[in-house]
Protein backbone atom coordinates (compact mmCIF):
# COMPACT_ATOMS: atom_id res chain seq x y z
CA UNK A 1 -50.91 108.32 5.39
CA UNK A 2 -52.58 108.42 1.99
CA UNK A 3 -50.49 105.45 0.84
CA UNK A 4 -51.36 103.49 3.98
CA UNK A 5 -55.04 104.30 3.51
CA UNK A 6 -54.93 103.07 -0.10
CA UNK A 7 -53.09 99.90 0.91
CA UNK A 8 -55.65 99.22 3.65
CA UNK A 9 -58.52 99.80 1.22
CA UNK A 10 -57.04 97.30 -1.24
CA UNK A 11 -56.45 94.80 1.56
CA UNK A 12 -60.05 95.03 2.74
CA UNK A 13 -61.42 94.83 -0.80
CA UNK A 14 -59.37 91.82 -1.86
CA UNK A 15 -58.99 89.79 1.33
CA UNK A 16 -61.79 90.61 3.77
CA UNK A 17 -64.00 87.65 4.55
CA UNK A 18 -67.35 87.98 2.79
CA UNK A 19 -69.26 86.26 5.56
CA UNK A 20 -68.15 88.38 8.53
CA UNK A 21 -67.61 91.79 6.92
CA UNK A 22 -70.97 93.19 8.05
CA UNK A 23 -70.92 91.76 11.55
CA UNK A 24 -70.77 94.03 14.59
CA UNK A 25 -67.33 95.68 15.07
CA UNK A 26 -65.89 93.86 12.04
CA UNK A 27 -64.34 95.59 9.03
CA UNK A 28 -63.92 98.94 10.76
CA UNK A 29 -60.41 99.24 12.11
CA UNK A 30 -61.01 102.90 12.97
CA UNK A 31 -63.65 102.05 15.57
CA UNK A 32 -61.40 99.47 17.18
CA UNK A 33 -58.43 101.83 17.30
CA UNK A 34 -60.58 104.56 18.86
CA UNK A 35 -61.69 102.16 21.57
CA UNK A 36 -58.14 100.99 22.27
CA UNK A 37 -56.67 104.50 22.29
CA UNK A 38 -59.43 105.64 24.64
CA UNK A 39 -58.76 102.59 26.83
CA UNK A 40 -55.04 103.31 27.14
CA UNK A 41 -55.56 107.04 27.79
CA UNK A 42 -58.25 106.43 30.41
CA UNK A 43 -56.37 103.70 32.26
CA UNK A 44 -52.99 105.43 32.34
CA UNK A 45 -53.85 109.15 32.47
CA UNK A 46 -57.48 110.26 32.72
CA UNK A 47 -58.78 107.58 35.11
CA UNK A 48 -56.08 107.99 37.80
CA UNK A 49 -56.46 111.78 37.59
CA UNK A 50 -60.25 111.53 38.07
CA UNK A 51 -59.80 109.12 40.98
CA UNK A 52 -56.99 111.06 42.69
CA UNK A 53 -59.19 112.73 45.31
CA UNK A 54 -61.89 110.08 45.39
CA UNK A 55 -62.26 106.94 47.46
CA UNK A 56 -61.89 103.69 45.50
CA UNK A 57 -65.07 102.04 44.32
CA UNK A 58 -65.70 98.60 45.82
CA UNK A 59 -67.54 97.07 42.83
CA UNK A 60 -67.60 93.66 44.52
CA UNK A 61 -70.92 92.46 43.06
CA UNK A 62 -70.18 93.97 39.67
CA UNK A 63 -66.82 92.20 39.45
CA UNK A 64 -68.29 88.92 40.66
CA UNK A 65 -70.91 89.08 37.89
CA UNK A 66 -68.21 90.02 35.39
CA UNK A 67 -65.96 87.14 36.44
CA UNK A 68 -68.63 84.46 36.31
CA UNK A 69 -69.83 85.80 32.96
CA UNK A 70 -66.29 85.51 31.61
CA UNK A 71 -66.07 81.92 32.82
CA UNK A 72 -69.31 80.97 31.09
CA UNK A 73 -68.71 82.75 27.78
CA UNK A 74 -65.12 81.52 27.48
CA UNK A 75 -66.25 77.96 28.25
CA UNK A 76 -68.88 78.28 25.52
CA UNK A 77 -66.35 79.53 22.94
CA UNK A 78 -63.95 76.70 23.88
CA UNK A 79 -66.75 74.18 23.37
CA UNK A 80 -67.70 75.73 20.02
CA UNK A 81 -64.06 75.67 18.90
CA UNK A 82 -63.90 71.93 19.54
CA UNK A 83 -67.25 71.25 17.91
CA UNK A 84 -66.20 73.32 14.89
CA UNK A 85 -63.01 71.43 14.21
CA UNK A 86 -60.28 71.35 16.85
CA UNK A 87 -59.67 67.82 18.20
CA UNK A 88 -62.30 66.59 15.72
CA UNK A 89 -61.60 67.37 12.04
CA UNK A 90 -58.87 70.04 12.16
CA UNK A 91 -55.22 69.11 11.53
CA UNK A 92 -52.62 70.47 13.96
CA UNK A 93 -49.97 70.27 11.23
CA UNK A 94 -51.80 72.55 8.79
CA UNK A 95 -55.37 73.77 8.71
CA UNK A 96 -56.56 76.18 5.97
CA UNK A 97 -59.50 78.47 6.63
CA UNK A 98 -62.83 76.98 5.53
CA UNK A 99 -64.68 79.75 3.69
CA UNK A 100 -67.55 77.49 2.64
CA UNK A 101 -71.17 77.42 3.79
CA UNK A 102 -70.71 74.18 5.71
CA UNK A 103 -72.25 74.06 9.20
CA UNK A 104 -68.84 73.64 10.85
CA UNK A 105 -67.39 76.64 8.97
CA UNK A 106 -70.35 78.84 9.99
CA UNK A 107 -70.01 77.66 13.58
CA UNK A 108 -66.29 78.44 13.63
CA UNK A 109 -66.87 81.93 12.19
CA UNK A 110 -69.38 82.70 14.93
CA UNK A 111 -66.96 81.42 17.58
CA UNK A 112 -64.11 83.57 16.20
CA UNK A 113 -66.37 86.65 16.17
CA UNK A 114 -67.58 86.00 19.71
CA UNK A 115 -63.98 85.61 20.84
CA UNK A 116 -63.23 89.03 19.33
CA UNK A 117 -66.11 90.63 21.24
CA UNK A 118 -64.94 88.98 24.47
CA UNK A 119 -61.44 90.43 23.95
CA UNK A 120 -63.06 93.87 23.86
CA UNK A 121 -64.94 93.13 27.09
CA UNK A 122 -61.61 92.13 28.69
CA UNK A 123 -60.68 95.82 28.67
CA UNK A 124 -62.97 96.20 31.68
CA UNK A 125 -60.33 94.41 33.77
CA UNK A 126 -58.12 97.48 33.71
CA UNK A 127 -61.02 99.90 34.10
CA UNK A 128 -61.97 98.09 37.32
CA UNK A 129 -58.37 98.36 38.56
CA UNK A 130 -58.42 102.12 38.00
CA UNK A 131 -61.83 102.64 39.62
CA UNK A 132 -60.67 100.58 42.62
CA UNK A 133 -57.33 102.50 42.67
CA UNK A 134 -55.32 99.30 42.34
CA UNK A 135 -52.77 101.09 40.20
CA UNK A 136 -49.98 98.59 40.75
CA UNK A 137 -51.98 96.22 38.54
CA UNK A 138 -51.76 98.59 35.58
CA UNK A 139 -48.42 97.27 34.33
CA UNK A 140 -46.96 97.28 30.84
CA UNK A 141 -47.66 93.54 30.53
CA UNK A 142 -51.30 93.98 31.51
CA UNK A 143 -52.05 96.95 29.22
CA UNK A 144 -50.03 95.58 26.29
CA UNK A 145 -51.74 92.19 26.50
CA UNK A 146 -55.22 93.68 26.71
CA UNK A 147 -54.52 96.09 23.85
CA UNK A 148 -52.94 93.56 21.49
CA UNK A 149 -55.45 90.72 21.85
CA UNK A 150 -58.40 92.69 20.35
CA UNK A 151 -56.16 93.59 17.39
CA UNK A 152 -55.17 89.95 16.86
CA UNK A 153 -58.77 88.77 17.09
CA UNK A 154 -59.90 91.60 14.76
CA UNK A 155 -57.44 90.36 12.13
CA UNK A 156 -58.74 86.84 12.64
CA UNK A 157 -62.44 87.59 12.29
CA UNK A 158 -61.88 90.05 9.43
CA UNK A 159 -59.57 87.94 7.25
CA UNK A 160 -59.13 84.44 8.71
CA UNK A 161 -62.21 83.34 10.71
CA UNK A 162 -60.97 79.83 11.46
CA UNK A 163 -58.14 77.61 10.36
CA UNK A 164 -54.65 77.24 11.78
CA UNK A 165 -54.46 80.47 13.77
CA UNK A 166 -57.70 79.86 15.62
CA UNK A 167 -55.91 77.48 17.99
CA UNK A 168 -54.77 80.63 19.80
CA UNK A 169 -58.38 81.43 20.67
CA UNK A 170 -59.07 77.87 21.77
CA UNK A 171 -56.10 77.85 24.16
CA UNK A 172 -56.81 81.36 25.40
CA UNK A 173 -60.45 80.69 26.24
CA UNK A 174 -59.47 77.64 28.28
CA UNK A 175 -56.89 79.69 30.18
CA UNK A 176 -59.48 82.38 30.83
CA UNK A 177 -61.96 79.83 32.20
CA UNK A 178 -59.32 78.90 34.79
CA UNK A 179 -58.23 82.50 35.39
CA UNK A 180 -61.68 83.99 35.91
CA UNK A 181 -62.77 81.02 37.99
CA UNK A 182 -59.91 81.90 40.32
CA UNK A 183 -60.94 85.56 40.38
CA UNK A 184 -64.57 84.67 41.13
CA UNK A 185 -63.67 82.27 43.94
CA UNK A 186 -61.19 84.76 45.43
CA UNK A 187 -63.92 87.41 45.55
CA UNK A 188 -66.10 85.22 47.80
CA UNK A 189 -64.08 85.97 50.92
CA UNK A 190 -61.32 84.66 53.23
CA UNK A 191 -62.93 81.26 53.82
CA UNK A 192 -62.64 80.46 50.12
CA UNK A 193 -59.41 82.36 49.50
CA UNK A 194 -57.39 80.30 51.95
CA UNK A 195 -57.96 77.24 49.77
CA UNK A 196 -56.81 78.93 46.56
CA UNK A 197 -53.26 77.62 46.57
CA UNK A 198 -52.98 77.45 42.79
CA UNK A 199 -52.59 81.14 41.88
CA UNK A 200 -49.00 80.87 40.60
CA UNK A 201 -49.93 77.91 38.43
CA UNK A 202 -52.24 80.18 36.43
CA UNK A 203 -49.18 82.08 35.18
CA UNK A 204 -47.49 78.77 34.35
CA UNK A 205 -50.57 77.74 32.35
CA UNK A 206 -50.40 81.05 30.49
CA UNK A 207 -46.75 80.36 29.64
CA UNK A 208 -47.63 76.86 28.39
CA UNK A 209 -50.37 78.40 26.26
CA UNK A 210 -47.94 80.71 24.46
CA UNK A 211 -45.39 77.93 24.07
CA UNK A 212 -48.05 75.81 22.33
CA UNK A 213 -48.93 78.70 20.02
CA UNK A 214 -45.25 79.32 19.24
CA UNK A 215 -44.55 75.67 18.36
CA UNK A 216 -47.84 75.31 16.48
CA UNK A 217 -47.03 78.24 14.18
CA UNK A 218 -43.28 77.66 13.78
CA UNK A 219 -43.71 74.02 12.74
CA UNK A 220 -45.95 74.95 9.80
CA UNK A 221 -43.44 77.40 8.28
CA UNK A 222 -41.22 74.83 6.48
CA UNK A 223 -44.16 72.86 5.07
CA UNK A 224 -46.66 73.63 2.32
CA UNK A 225 -49.91 74.88 3.84
CA UNK A 226 -52.78 76.87 2.37
CA UNK A 227 -52.71 79.36 5.24
CA UNK A 228 -50.97 82.78 4.97
CA UNK A 229 -47.51 82.26 6.45
CA UNK A 230 -47.23 85.95 7.29
CA UNK A 231 -49.79 85.34 10.04
CA UNK A 232 -47.88 82.28 11.27
CA UNK A 233 -44.77 84.47 11.55
CA UNK A 234 -46.63 87.24 13.37
CA UNK A 235 -48.25 84.79 15.79
CA UNK A 236 -44.87 83.17 16.44
CA UNK A 237 -43.23 86.52 17.20
CA UNK A 238 -46.02 87.59 19.54
CA UNK A 239 -46.09 84.22 21.30
CA UNK A 240 -42.33 84.47 21.86
CA UNK A 241 -42.66 88.00 23.22
CA UNK A 242 -45.48 86.99 25.56
CA UNK A 243 -43.35 84.11 26.84
CA UNK A 244 -40.70 86.67 27.69
CA UNK A 245 -43.18 89.08 29.34
CA UNK A 246 -45.08 86.46 31.35
CA UNK A 247 -41.82 84.70 32.24
CA UNK A 248 -40.43 87.99 33.56
CA UNK A 249 -43.64 88.52 35.53
CA UNK A 250 -43.40 85.05 37.07
CA UNK A 251 -39.76 85.51 38.09
CA UNK A 252 -40.44 88.92 39.62
CA UNK A 253 -43.67 87.93 41.39
CA UNK A 254 -42.89 84.43 42.64
CA UNK A 255 -39.11 84.03 42.72
CA UNK A 256 -37.76 87.50 43.47
CA UNK A 257 -41.07 88.46 45.16
CA UNK A 258 -40.86 92.04 44.00
CA UNK A 259 -43.79 94.29 42.98
CA UNK A 260 -44.41 94.71 39.27
CA UNK A 261 -43.52 98.18 37.91
CA UNK A 262 -46.62 100.22 37.12
CA UNK A 263 -46.96 102.42 34.06
CA UNK A 264 -49.00 104.99 35.99
CA UNK A 265 -46.59 107.69 37.07
CA UNK A 266 -48.53 109.14 39.98
CA UNK A 267 -49.86 106.80 42.68
CA UNK A 268 -51.91 108.37 45.49
CA UNK A 269 -50.26 108.08 48.87
CA UNK A 270 -53.43 108.46 50.91
CA UNK A 271 -54.44 105.30 52.71
CA UNK A 272 -58.15 104.65 52.20
CA UNK A 273 -60.36 101.89 53.62
CA UNK A 274 -57.27 100.14 54.96
CA UNK A 275 -55.65 99.63 51.55
CA UNK A 276 -53.28 101.53 49.35
CA UNK A 277 -50.57 100.82 46.81
CA UNK A 278 -48.05 102.96 48.72
CA UNK A 279 -48.87 104.05 52.24
CA UNK A 280 -46.61 105.35 55.00
CA UNK A 281 -43.55 104.16 53.09
CA UNK A 282 -44.71 100.52 53.03
CA UNK A 283 -44.70 98.95 49.58
CA UNK A 284 -47.62 96.67 48.82
CA UNK A 285 -48.07 94.17 46.01
CA UNK A 286 -51.42 93.06 44.63
CA UNK A 287 -51.35 90.43 41.93
CA UNK A 288 -54.80 90.86 40.46
CA UNK A 289 -58.59 91.13 40.72
CA UNK A 290 -59.32 89.45 44.05
CA UNK A 291 -55.80 88.12 44.59
CA UNK A 292 -53.23 88.25 47.35
CA UNK A 293 -52.11 91.64 48.65
CA UNK A 294 -48.76 91.73 50.40
CA UNK A 295 -47.77 94.46 52.84
CA UNK A 296 -44.98 94.56 55.42
CA UNK A 297 -44.13 90.97 54.54
CA UNK A 298 -47.58 89.68 55.47
CA UNK A 299 -50.16 88.47 52.99
CA UNK A 300 -53.69 89.82 53.05
CA UNK A 301 -56.63 88.98 50.84
CA UNK A 302 -58.92 91.49 49.16
C-alpha cells in the first residue's frame, strides 16, 4: 500500500492538470472511492435490508424532476463539447489535450468537469430503484456501469480534460438525452407510454456508442499522436467490455425475453401496491425507471 501511495503521489504531482486540480471533487481519489463504495454497499446490501419491511416509495415527482434535469444538463454538455472542438476544430484521427488558456480549452475543461459531476449524480438511478424496491433493476451491468463511469470521468478531468478521449463524454451525453427523455415521457402515464415504441432502440444506440468509442481509440494506436496511448488502450478495453455486457442484455431482454439476473440476493416476496419483483411464484421483469413491466406474459406500465 505504501508503494501504491507513493506512486499515486508522484502521478498527481507530475501529471495532474494545473487548471482543474482545485475544482470540486477533483484531485481527491479518496473522496470518490468513498462515495462509490458507499453506493455499492447501500444499493446491494444496506438499502434492501432497510426496505425489507417497508412499502416502496413512489417518488414519481422526484424522479420526473430528476429525469428532465438529466435531459437538460446532458444536452448542455453535448452542446459545450461541440462548441469546444468536436465537429468544429477537433480531429477524429488524433486530438491532443489543449492545456492552454484559450477560450475553447477553458470551455472544454468546464464541460469535462461538469460531465464528471453528472456521472456522480447518475448514482441516484440505483438509489431510486432500491427505494422503490425494483430490485430486478440492480443488475451487475447497471451497478458496474454506474460505478465505472465516475472513475473514467475522474481520470479525464484530473489528467486529460479534453482531447481525444473526450469523445466518450460527447457520445454518452447524447445517449443520455435520449435515455432520460424516454424515462421522463414514460413517467407521464399510460396515454404517453403506449406511444413509446422505441425502448429497445435505446440499447442499440448504447451499443453504437461503445462501438464508436472502440474504433475511435483503436485507430489512433498505430499512428503518432500526442495523447497518452495507455488511455486509448484502457478506453478500448472498456468499450469492448461494455459492448459485450450491453449486447448480452439486449439478447436476454429482447430476443430470449428473460429477466436480467439481479445482484441482490434477497428479494422480498410480499406483493405491495400491486407490484413486486417475485410474487406468488410469478416472475416479473422491469426494464428500467418508468419502463415496461412484464408479468404472467402480459405487459404493464409503471
